[in-house]
């Protein structure tokens, strides 16, 4: 199974265990000036799954890259009523998310 299928299935199913399995032990998540270690980021995602606030990653989803060392995905999400193209870029180590960065651009 490709990494892209694993990622989209885990997030679409809101499966925190599958999401955790995609994350390298040394993963770092960067969102603008916020940075979270793996366990902190997984706690945030887990809370969002529980309270129903987790983002829908399927709207206009496009897999930009699914290679041995990098995974990149775009999707559209409304932020304050304005559609934004969100790009998630993940460098991979040992076949898992290692460095994970987000970019948001209004469309």
PDB file of N, CA and C in Angstrom:
ATOM      1  N   UNK A   1       0.843  -1.173   0.000  1.00  0.00           N
ATOM      2  CA  UNK A   1       0.000   0.000   0.000  1.00  0.00           C
ATOM      3  C   UNK A   1       0.890   1.238   0.000  1.00  0.00           C
ATOM      4  N   UNK A   2       0.557   2.201  -0.860  1.00  0.00           N
ATOM      5  CA  UNK A   2       1.368   3.418  -0.937  1.00  0.00           C
ATOM      6  C   UNK A   2       1.205   4.241   0.336  1.00  0.00           C
ATOM      7  N   UNK A   3       2.188   5.072   0.577  1.00  0.00           N
ATOM      8  CA  UNK A   3       2.146   5.954   1.740  1.00  0.00           C
ATOM      9  C   UNK A   3       0.940   6.891   1.638  1.00  0.00           C
ATOM     10  N   UNK A   4       0.653   7.386   0.427  1.00  0.00           N
ATOM     11  CA  UNK A   4      -0.480   8.291   0.234  1.00  0.00           C
ATOM     12  C   UNK A   4      -1.793   7.626   0.642  1.00  0.00           C
ATOM     13  N   UNK A   5      -1.968   6.377   0.292  1.00  0.00           N
ATOM     14  CA  UNK A   5      -3.193   5.659   0.671  1.00  0.00           C
ATOM     15  C   UNK A   5      -3.255   5.495   2.185  1.00  0.00           C
ATOM     16  N   UNK A   6      -2.133   5.163   2.810  1.00  0.00           N
ATOM     17  CA  UNK A   6      -2.099   5.044   4.274  1.00  0.00           C
ATOM     18  C   UNK A   6      -2.469   6.369   4.941  1.00  0.00           C
ATOM     19  N   UNK A   7      -1.903   7.466   4.434  1.00  0.00           N
ATOM     20  CA  UNK A   7      -2.157   8.787   5.014  1.00  0.00           C
ATOM     21  C   UNK A   7      -3.626   9.173   4.851  1.00  0.00           C
ATOM     22  N   UNK A   8      -4.129   9.100   3.634  1.00  0.00           N
ATOM     23  CA  UNK A   8      -5.511   9.525   3.397  1.00  0.00           C
ATOM     24  C   UNK A   8      -6.500   8.640   4.149  1.00  0.00           C
ATOM     25  N   UNK A   9      -6.247   7.352   4.212  1.00  0.00           N
ATOM     26  CA  UNK A   9      -7.130   6.447   4.950  1.00  0.00           C
ATOM     27  C   UNK A   9      -7.115   6.770   6.439  1.00  0.00           C
ATOM     28  N   UNK A  10      -5.928   6.957   7.008  1.00  0.00           N
ATOM     29  CA  UNK A  10      -5.814   7.239   8.445  1.00  0.00           C
ATOM     30  C   UNK A  10      -6.535   8.535   8.811  1.00  0.00           C
ATOM     31  N   UNK A  11      -6.313   9.594   8.032  1.00  0.00           N
ATOM     32  CA  UNK A  11      -6.938  10.877   8.352  1.00  0.00           C
ATOM     33  C   UNK A  11      -8.427  10.888   8.021  1.00  0.00           C
ATOM     34  N   UNK A  12      -8.827  10.289   6.897  1.00  0.00           N
ATOM     35  CA  UNK A  12     -10.248  10.246   6.554  1.00  0.00           C
ATOM     36  C   UNK A  12     -11.052   9.434   7.569  1.00  0.00           C
ATOM     37  N   UNK A  13     -10.438   8.388   8.115  1.00  0.00           N
ATOM     38  CA  UNK A  13     -11.114   7.552   9.117  1.00  0.00           C
ATOM     39  C   UNK A  13     -10.967   8.095  10.533  1.00  0.00           C
ATOM     40  N   UNK A  14     -10.222   9.190  10.678  1.00  0.00           N
ATOM     41  CA  UNK A  14      -9.993   9.784  12.006  1.00  0.00           C
ATOM     42  C   UNK A  14      -9.444   8.738  12.981  1.00  0.00           C
ATOM     43  N   UNK A  15      -8.466   7.987  12.490  1.00  0.00           N
ATOM     44  CA  UNK A  15      -7.888   6.868  13.245  1.00  0.00           C
ATOM     45  C   UNK A  15      -6.568   7.304  13.878  1.00  0.00           C
ATOM     46  N   UNK A  16      -6.612   7.699  15.141  1.00  0.00           N
ATOM     47  CA  UNK A  16      -5.428   8.232  15.814  1.00  0.00           C
ATOM     48  C   UNK A  16      -4.309   7.201  15.892  1.00  0.00           C
ATOM     49  N   UNK A  17      -4.633   5.932  16.026  1.00  0.00           N
ATOM     50  CA  UNK A  17      -3.583   4.904  16.072  1.00  0.00           C
ATOM     51  C   UNK A  17      -2.884   4.771  14.723  1.00  0.00           C
ATOM     52  N   UNK A  18      -3.646   4.840  13.648  1.00  0.00           N
ATOM     53  CA  UNK A  18      -3.043   4.769  12.309  1.00  0.00           C
ATOM     54  C   UNK A  18      -2.223   6.027  12.031  1.00  0.00           C
ATOM     55  N   UNK A  19      -2.709   7.179  12.482  1.00  0.00           N
ATOM     56  CA  UNK A  19      -1.956   8.428  12.310  1.00  0.00           C
ATOM     57  C   UNK A  19      -0.642   8.345  13.085  1.00  0.00           C
ATOM     58  N   UNK A  20      -0.704   7.866  14.314  1.00  0.00           N
ATOM     59  CA  UNK A  20       0.505   7.728  15.133  1.00  0.00           C
ATOM     60  C   UNK A  20       1.514   6.788  14.471  1.00  0.00           C
ATOM     61  N   UNK A  21       1.021   5.736  13.842  1.00  0.00           N
ATOM     62  CA  UNK A  21       1.909   4.773  13.182  1.00  0.00           C
ATOM     63  C   UNK A  21       2.638   5.388  11.997  1.00  0.00           C
ATOM     64  N   UNK A  22       2.115   6.482  11.452  1.00  0.00           N
ATOM     65  CA  UNK A  22       2.745   7.179  10.331  1.00  0.00           C
ATOM     66  C   UNK A  22       3.846   8.136  10.773  1.00  0.00           C
ATOM     67  N   UNK A  23       3.969   8.360  12.079  1.00  0.00           N
ATOM     68  CA  UNK A  23       4.870   9.378  12.607  1.00  0.00           C
ATOM     69  C   UNK A  23       6.152   8.777  13.175  1.00  0.00           C
ATOM     70  N   UNK A  24       7.261   9.280  12.709  1.00  0.00           N
ATOM     71  CA  UNK A  24       8.566   8.893  13.234  1.00  0.00           C
ATOM     72  C   UNK A  24       8.670   9.336  14.689  1.00  0.00           C
ATOM     73  N   UNK A  25       9.412   8.617  15.462  1.00  0.00           N
ATOM     74  CA  UNK A  25       9.604   8.941  16.884  1.00  0.00           C
ATOM     75  C   UNK A  25      10.136  10.361  17.086  1.00  0.00           C
ATOM     76  N   UNK A  26      10.939  10.861  16.148  1.00  0.00           N
ATOM     77  CA  UNK A  26      11.539  12.190  16.246  1.00  0.00           C
ATOM     78  C   UNK A  26      10.811  13.235  15.405  1.00  0.00           C
ATOM     79  N   UNK A  27       9.549  12.985  15.063  1.00  0.00           N
ATOM     80  CA  UNK A  27       8.795  13.904  14.218  1.00  0.00           C
ATOM     81  C   UNK A  27       8.648  15.274  14.874  1.00  0.00           C
ATOM     82  N   UNK A  28       8.711  16.307  14.028  1.00  0.00           N
ATOM     83  CA  UNK A  28       8.447  17.678  14.448  1.00  0.00           C
ATOM     84  C   UNK A  28       7.446  18.268  13.464  1.00  0.00           C
ATOM     85  N   UNK A  29       6.393  18.889  13.998  1.00  0.00           N
ATOM     86  CA  UNK A  29       5.348  19.526  13.209  1.00  0.00           C
ATOM     87  C   UNK A  29       5.527  21.038  13.320  1.00  0.00           C
ATOM     88  N   UNK A  30       5.590  21.735  12.181  1.00  0.00           N
ATOM     89  CA  UNK A  30       5.787  23.186  12.168  1.00  0.00           C
ATOM     90  C   UNK A  30       4.620  23.837  11.425  1.00  0.00           C
ATOM     91  N   UNK A  31       4.000  24.807  12.092  1.00  0.00           N
ATOM     92  CA  UNK A  31       2.888  25.558  11.515  1.00  0.00           C
ATOM     93  C   UNK A  31       3.142  27.032  11.828  1.00  0.00           C
ATOM     94  N   UNK A  32       3.631  27.763  10.833  1.00  0.00           N
ATOM     95  CA  UNK A  32       4.074  29.141  11.027  1.00  0.00           C
ATOM     96  C   UNK A  32       5.125  29.173  12.143  1.00  0.00           C
ATOM     97  N   UNK A  33       4.795  29.825  13.262  1.00  0.00           N
ATOM     98  CA  UNK A  33       5.773  29.904  14.348  1.00  0.00           C
ATOM     99  C   UNK A  33       5.504  28.903  15.460  1.00  0.00           C
ATOM    100  N   UNK A  34       4.509  28.039  15.255  1.00  0.00           N
ATOM    101  CA  UNK A  34       4.222  26.981  16.227  1.00  0.00           C
ATOM    102  C   UNK A  34       4.980  25.722  15.839  1.00  0.00           C
ATOM    103  N   UNK A  35       5.544  25.066  16.831  1.00  0.00           N
ATOM    104  CA  UNK A  35       6.266  23.835  16.592  1.00  0.00           C
ATOM    105  C   UNK A  35       5.863  22.837  17.678  1.00  0.00           C
ATOM    106  N   UNK A  36       5.591  21.598  17.252  1.00  0.00           N
ATOM    107  CA  UNK A  36       5.171  20.568  18.196  1.00  0.00           C
ATOM    108  C   UNK A  36       5.963  19.288  17.958  1.00  0.00           C
ATOM    109  N   UNK A  37       6.366  18.662  19.035  1.00  0.00           N
ATOM    110  CA  UNK A  37       6.962  17.331  18.950  1.00  0.00           C
ATOM    111  C   UNK A  37       5.852  16.327  18.672  1.00  0.00           C
ATOM    112  N   UNK A  38       6.227  15.141  18.269  1.00  0.00           N
ATOM    113  CA  UNK A  38       5.292  14.087  17.866  1.00  0.00           C
ATOM    114  C   UNK A  38       4.155  13.894  18.861  1.00  0.00           C
ATOM    115  N   UNK A  39       4.476  13.634  20.109  1.00  0.00           N
ATOM    116  CA  UNK A  39       3.443  13.308  21.092  1.00  0.00           C
ATOM    117  C   UNK A  39       2.507  14.483  21.345  1.00  0.00           C
ATOM    118  N   UNK A  40       3.041  15.702  21.334  1.00  0.00           N
ATOM    119  CA  UNK A  40       2.199  16.884  21.514  1.00  0.00           C
ATOM    120  C   UNK A  40       1.245  17.051  20.336  1.00  0.00           C
ATOM    121  N   UNK A  41       1.767  16.868  19.122  1.00  0.00           N
ATOM    122  CA  UNK A  41       0.936  16.995  17.925  1.00  0.00           C
ATOM    123  C   UNK A  41      -0.139  15.915  17.908  1.00  0.00           C
ATOM    124  N   UNK A  42       0.226  14.684  18.264  1.00  0.00           N
ATOM    125  CA  UNK A  42      -0.764  13.605  18.304  1.00  0.00           C
ATOM    126  C   UNK A  42      -1.843  13.879  19.352  1.00  0.00           C
ATOM    127  N   UNK A  43      -1.477  14.491  20.461  1.00  0.00           N
ATOM    128  CA  UNK A  43      -2.471  14.853  21.487  1.00  0.00           C
ATOM    129  C   UNK A  43      -3.451  15.882  20.929  1.00  0.00           C
ATOM    130  N   UNK A  44      -2.941  16.849  20.168  1.00  0.00           N
ATOM    131  CA  UNK A  44      -3.803  17.863  19.545  1.00  0.00           C
ATOM    132  C   UNK A  44      -4.753  17.194  18.561  1.00  0.00           C
ATOM    133  N   UNK A  45      -4.235  16.341  17.699  1.00  0.00           N
ATOM    134  CA  UNK A  45      -5.066  15.639  16.712  1.00  0.00           C
ATOM    135  C   UNK A  45      -6.092  14.760  17.423  1.00  0.00           C
ATOM    136  N   UNK A  46      -5.660  14.044  18.458  1.00  0.00           N
ATOM    137  CA  UNK A  46      -6.574  13.183  19.211  1.00  0.00           C
ATOM    138  C   UNK A  46      -7.726  13.969  19.809  1.00  0.00           C
ATOM    139  N   UNK A  47      -7.442  15.144  20.351  1.00  0.00           N
ATOM    140  CA  UNK A  47      -8.488  16.001  20.920  1.00  0.00           C
ATOM    141  C   UNK A  47      -9.445  16.465  19.827  1.00  0.00           C
ATOM    142  N   UNK A  48      -8.902  16.828  18.666  1.00  0.00           N
ATOM    143  CA  UNK A  48      -9.746  17.262  17.557  1.00  0.00           C
ATOM    144  C   UNK A  48     -10.644  16.126  17.067  1.00  0.00           C
ATOM    145  N   UNK A  49     -10.133  14.915  17.059  1.00  0.00           N
ATOM    146  CA  UNK A  49     -10.957  13.768  16.673  1.00  0.00           C
ATOM    147  C   UNK A  49     -12.089  13.599  17.684  1.00  0.00           C
ATOM    148  N   UNK A  50     -11.761  13.669  18.966  1.00  0.00           N
ATOM    149  CA  UNK A  50     -12.761  13.488  20.024  1.00  0.00           C
ATOM    150  C   UNK A  50     -13.851  14.548  19.991  1.00  0.00           C
ATOM    151  N   UNK A  51     -13.465  15.829  19.778  1.00  0.00           N
ATOM    152  CA  UNK A  51     -14.472  16.889  19.845  1.00  0.00           C
ATOM    153  C   UNK A  51     -15.081  17.240  18.479  1.00  0.00           C
ATOM    154  N   UNK A  52     -14.647  16.526  17.429  1.00  0.00           N
ATOM    155  CA  UNK A  52     -15.231  16.721  16.105  1.00  0.00           C
ATOM    156  C   UNK A  52     -14.705  17.919  15.342  1.00  0.00           C
ATOM    157  N   UNK A  53     -13.625  18.535  15.821  1.00  0.00           N
ATOM    158  CA  UNK A  53     -13.102  19.737  15.160  1.00  0.00           C
ATOM    159  C   UNK A  53     -11.972  19.452  14.171  1.00  0.00           C
ATOM    160  N   UNK A  54     -11.658  18.182  13.963  1.00  0.00           N
ATOM    161  CA  UNK A  54     -10.559  17.848  13.048  1.00  0.00           C
ATOM    162  C   UNK A  54     -10.899  18.293  11.626  1.00  0.00           C
ATOM    163  N   UNK A  55      -9.917  18.821  10.953  1.00  0.00           N
ATOM    164  CA  UNK A  55     -10.055  19.334   9.594  1.00  0.00           C
ATOM    165  C   UNK A  55     -10.447  18.212   8.635  1.00  0.00           C
ATOM    166  N   UNK A  56     -11.250  18.579   7.637  1.00  0.00           N
ATOM    167  CA  UNK A  56     -11.573  17.661   6.537  1.00  0.00           C
ATOM    168  C   UNK A  56     -10.483  17.819   5.484  1.00  0.00           C
ATOM    169  N   UNK A  57      -9.649  16.806   5.359  1.00  0.00           N
ATOM    170  CA  UNK A  57      -8.519  16.861   4.428  1.00  0.00           C
ATOM    171  C   UNK A  57      -8.891  16.412   3.012  1.00  0.00           C
ATOM    172  N   UNK A  58     -10.161  16.115   2.769  1.00  0.00           N
ATOM    173  CA  UNK A  58     -10.537  15.522   1.484  1.00  0.00           C
ATOM    174  C   UNK A  58     -11.007  16.535   0.441  1.00  0.00           C
ATOM    175  N   UNK A  59     -11.303  17.769   0.843  1.00  0.00           N
ATOM    176  CA  UNK A  59     -11.838  18.759  -0.104  1.00  0.00           C
ATOM    177  C   UNK A  59     -10.768  19.171  -1.111  1.00  0.00           C
ATOM    178  N   UNK A  60     -11.003  18.861  -2.370  1.00  0.00           N
ATOM    179  CA  UNK A  60     -10.080  19.172  -3.474  1.00  0.00           C
ATOM    180  C   UNK A  60      -8.672  18.662  -3.182  1.00  0.00           C
ATOM    181  N   UNK A  61      -8.588  17.496  -2.570  1.00  0.00           N
ATOM    182  CA  UNK A  61      -7.280  16.928  -2.204  1.00  0.00           C
ATOM    183  C   UNK A  61      -6.501  16.554  -3.456  1.00  0.00           C
ATOM    184  N   UNK A  62      -5.209  16.842  -3.400  1.00  0.00           N
ATOM    185  CA  UNK A  62      -4.301  16.485  -4.489  1.00  0.00           C
ATOM    186  C   UNK A  62      -2.977  16.040  -3.870  1.00  0.00           C
ATOM    187  N   UNK A  63      -2.530  14.867  -4.232  1.00  0.00           N
ATOM    188  CA  UNK A  63      -1.237  14.375  -3.761  1.00  0.00           C
ATOM    189  C   UNK A  63      -0.168  14.945  -4.693  1.00  0.00           C
ATOM    190  N   UNK A  64       0.663  15.821  -4.169  1.00  0.00           N
ATOM    191  CA  UNK A  64       1.697  16.494  -4.950  1.00  0.00           C
ATOM    192  C   UNK A  64       2.904  15.576  -5.112  1.00  0.00           C
ATOM    193  N   UNK A  65       3.290  14.905  -4.031  1.00  0.00           N
ATOM    194  CA  UNK A  65       4.458  14.016  -4.074  1.00  0.00           C
ATOM    195  C   UNK A  65       4.259  12.871  -3.094  1.00  0.00           C
ATOM    196  N   UNK A  66       4.598  11.690  -3.546  1.00  0.00           N
ATOM    197  CA  UNK A  66       4.585  10.495  -2.693  1.00  0.00           C
ATOM    198  C   UNK A  66       5.823   9.691  -3.079  1.00  0.00           C
ATOM    199  N   UNK A  67       6.930  10.115  -2.526  1.00  0.00           N
ATOM    200  CA  UNK A  67       8.230   9.531  -2.857  1.00  0.00           C
ATOM    201  C   UNK A  67       8.845   8.929  -1.602  1.00  0.00           C
ATOM    202  N   UNK A  68       9.980   8.307  -1.760  1.00  0.00           N
ATOM    203  CA  UNK A  68      10.636   7.645  -0.634  1.00  0.00           C
ATOM    204  C   UNK A  68      10.930   8.601   0.518  1.00  0.00           C
ATOM    205  N   UNK A  69      11.360   9.825   0.203  1.00  0.00           N
ATOM    206  CA  UNK A  69      11.822  10.752   1.237  1.00  0.00           C
ATOM    207  C   UNK A  69      10.923  11.960   1.459  1.00  0.00           C
ATOM    208  N   UNK A  70       9.838  12.069   0.695  1.00  0.00           N
ATOM    209  CA  UNK A  70       8.972  13.239   0.823  1.00  0.00           C
ATOM    210  C   UNK A  70       7.529  12.868   0.481  1.00  0.00           C
ATOM    211  N   UNK A  71       6.615  13.495   1.202  1.00  0.00           N
ATOM    212  CA  UNK A  71       5.188  13.385   0.907  1.00  0.00           C
ATOM    213  C   UNK A  71       4.621  14.788   0.959  1.00  0.00           C
ATOM    214  N   UNK A  72       3.834  15.174  -0.034  1.00  0.00           N
ATOM    215  CA  UNK A  72       3.199  16.486  -0.044  1.00  0.00           C
ATOM    216  C   UNK A  72       1.772  16.342  -0.552  1.00  0.00           C
ATOM    217  N   UNK A  73       0.880  17.055   0.122  1.00  0.00           N
ATOM    218  CA  UNK A  73      -0.532  16.982  -0.205  1.00  0.00           C
ATOM    219  C   UNK A  73      -1.132  18.375  -0.101  1.00  0.00           C
ATOM    220  N   UNK A  74      -2.044  18.692  -1.031  1.00  0.00           N
ATOM    221  CA  UNK A  74      -2.787  19.943  -0.976  1.00  0.00           C
ATOM    222  C   UNK A  74      -4.264  19.631  -0.794  1.00  0.00           C
ATOM    223  N   UNK A  75      -4.971  20.535  -0.151  1.00  0.00           N
ATOM    224  CA  UNK A  75      -6.424  20.454  -0.049  1.00  0.00           C
ATOM    225  C   UNK A  75      -6.936  21.865   0.189  1.00  0.00           C
ATOM    226  N   UNK A  76      -8.242  22.055   0.118  1.00  0.00           N
ATOM    227  CA  UNK A  76      -8.839  23.371   0.314  1.00  0.00           C
ATOM    228  C   UNK A  76      -9.648  23.350   1.601  1.00  0.00           C
ATOM    229  N   UNK A  77      -9.544  24.455   2.332  1.00  0.00           N
ATOM    230  CA  UNK A  77     -10.254  24.620   3.595  1.00  0.00           C
ATOM    231  C   UNK A  77     -10.638  26.091   3.732  1.00  0.00           C
ATOM    232  N   UNK A  78     -11.833  26.342   4.243  1.00  0.00           N
ATOM    233  CA  UNK A  78     -12.242  27.719   4.495  1.00  0.00           C
ATOM    234  C   UNK A  78     -11.679  28.182   5.831  1.00  0.00           C
ATOM    235  N   UNK A  79     -11.023  29.333   5.822  1.00  0.00           N
ATOM    236  CA  UNK A  79     -10.520  29.972   7.035  1.00  0.00           C
ATOM    237  C   UNK A  79     -11.143  31.359   7.098  1.00  0.00           C
ATOM    238  N   UNK A  80     -11.931  31.606   8.128  1.00  0.00           N
ATOM    239  CA  UNK A  80     -12.643  32.872   8.299  1.00  0.00           C
ATOM    240  C   UNK A  80     -13.458  33.218   7.051  1.00  0.00           C
ATOM    241  N   UNK A  81     -14.107  32.197   6.468  1.00  0.00           N
ATOM    242  CA  UNK A  81     -14.971  32.393   5.317  1.00  0.00           C
ATOM    243  C   UNK A  81     -14.265  32.503   3.982  1.00  0.00           C
ATOM    244  N   UNK A  82     -12.954  32.374   3.974  1.00  0.00           N
ATOM    245  CA  UNK A  82     -12.168  32.501   2.741  1.00  0.00           C
ATOM    246  C   UNK A  82     -11.530  31.151   2.428  1.00  0.00           C
ATOM    247  N   UNK A  83     -11.751  30.624   1.208  1.00  0.00           N
ATOM    248  CA  UNK A  83     -11.092  29.359   0.869  1.00  0.00           C
ATOM    249  C   UNK A  83      -9.576  29.538   0.775  1.00  0.00           C
ATOM    250  N   UNK A  84      -8.856  28.595   1.358  1.00  0.00           N
ATOM    251  CA  UNK A  84      -7.389  28.585   1.327  1.00  0.00           C
ATOM    252  C   UNK A  84      -6.916  27.231   0.803  1.00  0.00           C
ATOM    253  N   UNK A  85      -5.877  27.282  -0.003  1.00  0.00           N
ATOM    254  CA  UNK A  85      -5.194  26.040  -0.386  1.00  0.00           C
ATOM    255  C   UNK A  85      -4.162  25.766   0.699  1.00  0.00           C
ATOM    256  N   UNK A  86      -4.289  24.603   1.305  1.00  0.00           N
ATOM    257  CA  UNK A  86      -3.375  24.193   2.367  1.00  0.00           C
ATOM    258  C   UNK A  86      -2.415  23.176   1.761  1.00  0.00           C
ATOM    259  N   UNK A  87      -1.139  23.400   1.949  1.00  0.00           N
ATOM    260  CA  UNK A  87      -0.129  22.453   1.484  1.00  0.00           C
ATOM    261  C   UNK A  87       0.593  21.892   2.701  1.00  0.00           C
ATOM    262  N   UNK A  88       0.561  20.583   2.832  1.00  0.00           N
ATOM    263  CA  UNK A  88       1.314  19.876   3.874  1.00  0.00           C
ATOM    264  C   UNK A  88       2.497  19.214   3.199  1.00  0.00           C
ATOM    265  N   UNK A  89       3.680  19.525   3.654  1.00  0.00           N
ATOM    266  CA  UNK A  89       4.904  18.927   3.118  1.00  0.00           C
ATOM    267  C   UNK A  89       5.593  18.181   4.248  1.00  0.00           C
ATOM    268  N   UNK A  90       5.895  16.931   4.001  1.00  0.00           N
ATOM    269  CA  UNK A  90       6.488  16.091   5.036  1.00  0.00           C
ATOM    270  C   UNK A  90       7.751  15.432   4.503  1.00  0.00           C
ATOM    271  N   UNK A  91       8.864  15.739   5.125  1.00  0.00           N
ATOM    272  CA  UNK A  91      10.067  14.963   4.864  1.00  0.00           C
ATOM    273  C   UNK A  91       9.910  13.669   5.638  1.00  0.00           C
ATOM    274  N   UNK A  92      10.345  12.576   5.053  1.00  0.00           N
ATOM    275  CA  UNK A  92      10.174  11.275   5.679  1.00  0.00           C
ATOM    276  C   UNK A  92      11.511  10.681   6.109  1.00  0.00           C
ATOM    277  N   UNK A  93      11.465   9.954   7.186  1.00  0.00           N
ATOM    278  CA  UNK A  93      12.610   9.178   7.647  1.00  0.00           C
ATOM    279  C   UNK A  93      12.074   7.810   8.047  1.00  0.00           C
ATOM    280  N   UNK A  94      12.738   6.777   7.584  1.00  0.00           N
ATOM    281  CA  UNK A  94      12.296   5.405   7.863  1.00  0.00           C
ATOM    282  C   UNK A  94      10.855   5.183   7.420  1.00  0.00           C
ATOM    283  N   UNK A  95      10.447   5.862   6.344  1.00  0.00           N
ATOM    284  CA  UNK A  95       9.116   5.672   5.792  1.00  0.00           C
ATOM    285  C   UNK A  95       7.999   6.319   6.584  1.00  0.00           C
ATOM    286  N   UNK A  96       8.337   7.290   7.460  1.00  0.00           N
ATOM    287  CA  UNK A  96       7.332   7.935   8.302  1.00  0.00           C
ATOM    288  C   UNK A  96       7.522   9.450   8.289  1.00  0.00           C
ATOM    289  N   UNK A  97       6.449  10.189   8.696  1.00  0.00           N
ATOM    290  CA  UNK A  97       6.568  11.638   8.833  1.00  0.00           C
ATOM    291  C   UNK A  97       7.714  11.945   9.791  1.00  0.00           C
ATOM    292  N   UNK A  98       8.627  12.806   9.353  1.00  0.00           N
ATOM    293  CA  UNK A  98       9.756  13.185  10.206  1.00  0.00           C
ATOM    294  C   UNK A  98       9.740  14.687  10.459  1.00  0.00           C
ATOM    295  N   UNK A  99       9.683  15.489   9.402  1.00  0.00           N
ATOM    296  CA  UNK A  99       9.542  16.939   9.508  1.00  0.00           C
ATOM    297  C   UNK A  99       8.304  17.303   8.701  1.00  0.00           C
ATOM    298  N   UNK A 100       7.360  17.955   9.343  1.00  0.00           N
ATOM    299  CA  UNK A 100       6.025  18.166   8.785  1.00  0.00           C
ATOM    300  C   UNK A 100       5.750  19.657   8.832  1.00  0.00           C
ATOM    301  N   UNK A 101       5.513  20.299   7.673  1.00  0.00           N
ATOM    302  CA  UNK A 101       5.283  21.739   7.633  1.00  0.00           C
ATOM    303  C   UNK A 101       4.014  22.054   6.844  1.00  0.00           C
ATOM    304  N   UNK A 102       3.343  23.124   7.250  1.00  0.00           N
ATOM    305  CA  UNK A 102       2.078  23.534   6.651  1.00  0.00           C
ATOM    306  C   UNK A 102       2.206  24.932   6.054  1.00  0.00           C
ATOM    307  N   UNK A 103       1.566  25.139   4.887  1.00  0.00           N
ATOM    308  CA  UNK A 103       1.505  26.450   4.272  1.00  0.00           C
ATOM    309  C   UNK A 103       0.052  26.714   3.870  1.00  0.00           C
ATOM    310  N   UNK A 104      -0.428  27.924   4.091  1.00  0.00           N
ATOM    311  CA  UNK A 104      -1.805  28.299   3.750  1.00  0.00           C
ATOM    312  C   UNK A 104      -1.784  29.517   2.817  1.00  0.00           C
ATOM    313  N   UNK A 105      -2.546  29.424   1.704  1.00  0.00           N
ATOM    314  CA  UNK A 105      -2.612  30.515   0.741  1.00  0.00           C
ATOM    315  C   UNK A 105      -4.069  30.714   0.341  1.00  0.00           C
ATOM    316  N   UNK A 106      -4.590  31.952   0.440  1.00  0.00           N
ATOM    317  CA  UNK A 106      -5.970  32.184  -0.011  1.00  0.00           C
ATOM    318  C   UNK A 106      -6.085  31.923  -1.520  1.00  0.00           C
ATOM    319  N   UNK A 107      -7.232  31.349  -1.908  1.00  0.00           N
ATOM    320  CA  UNK A 107      -7.452  31.091  -3.359  1.00  0.00           C
ATOM    321  C   UNK A 107      -8.652  31.861  -3.859  1.00  0.00           C
TER     322      UNK A 107
END
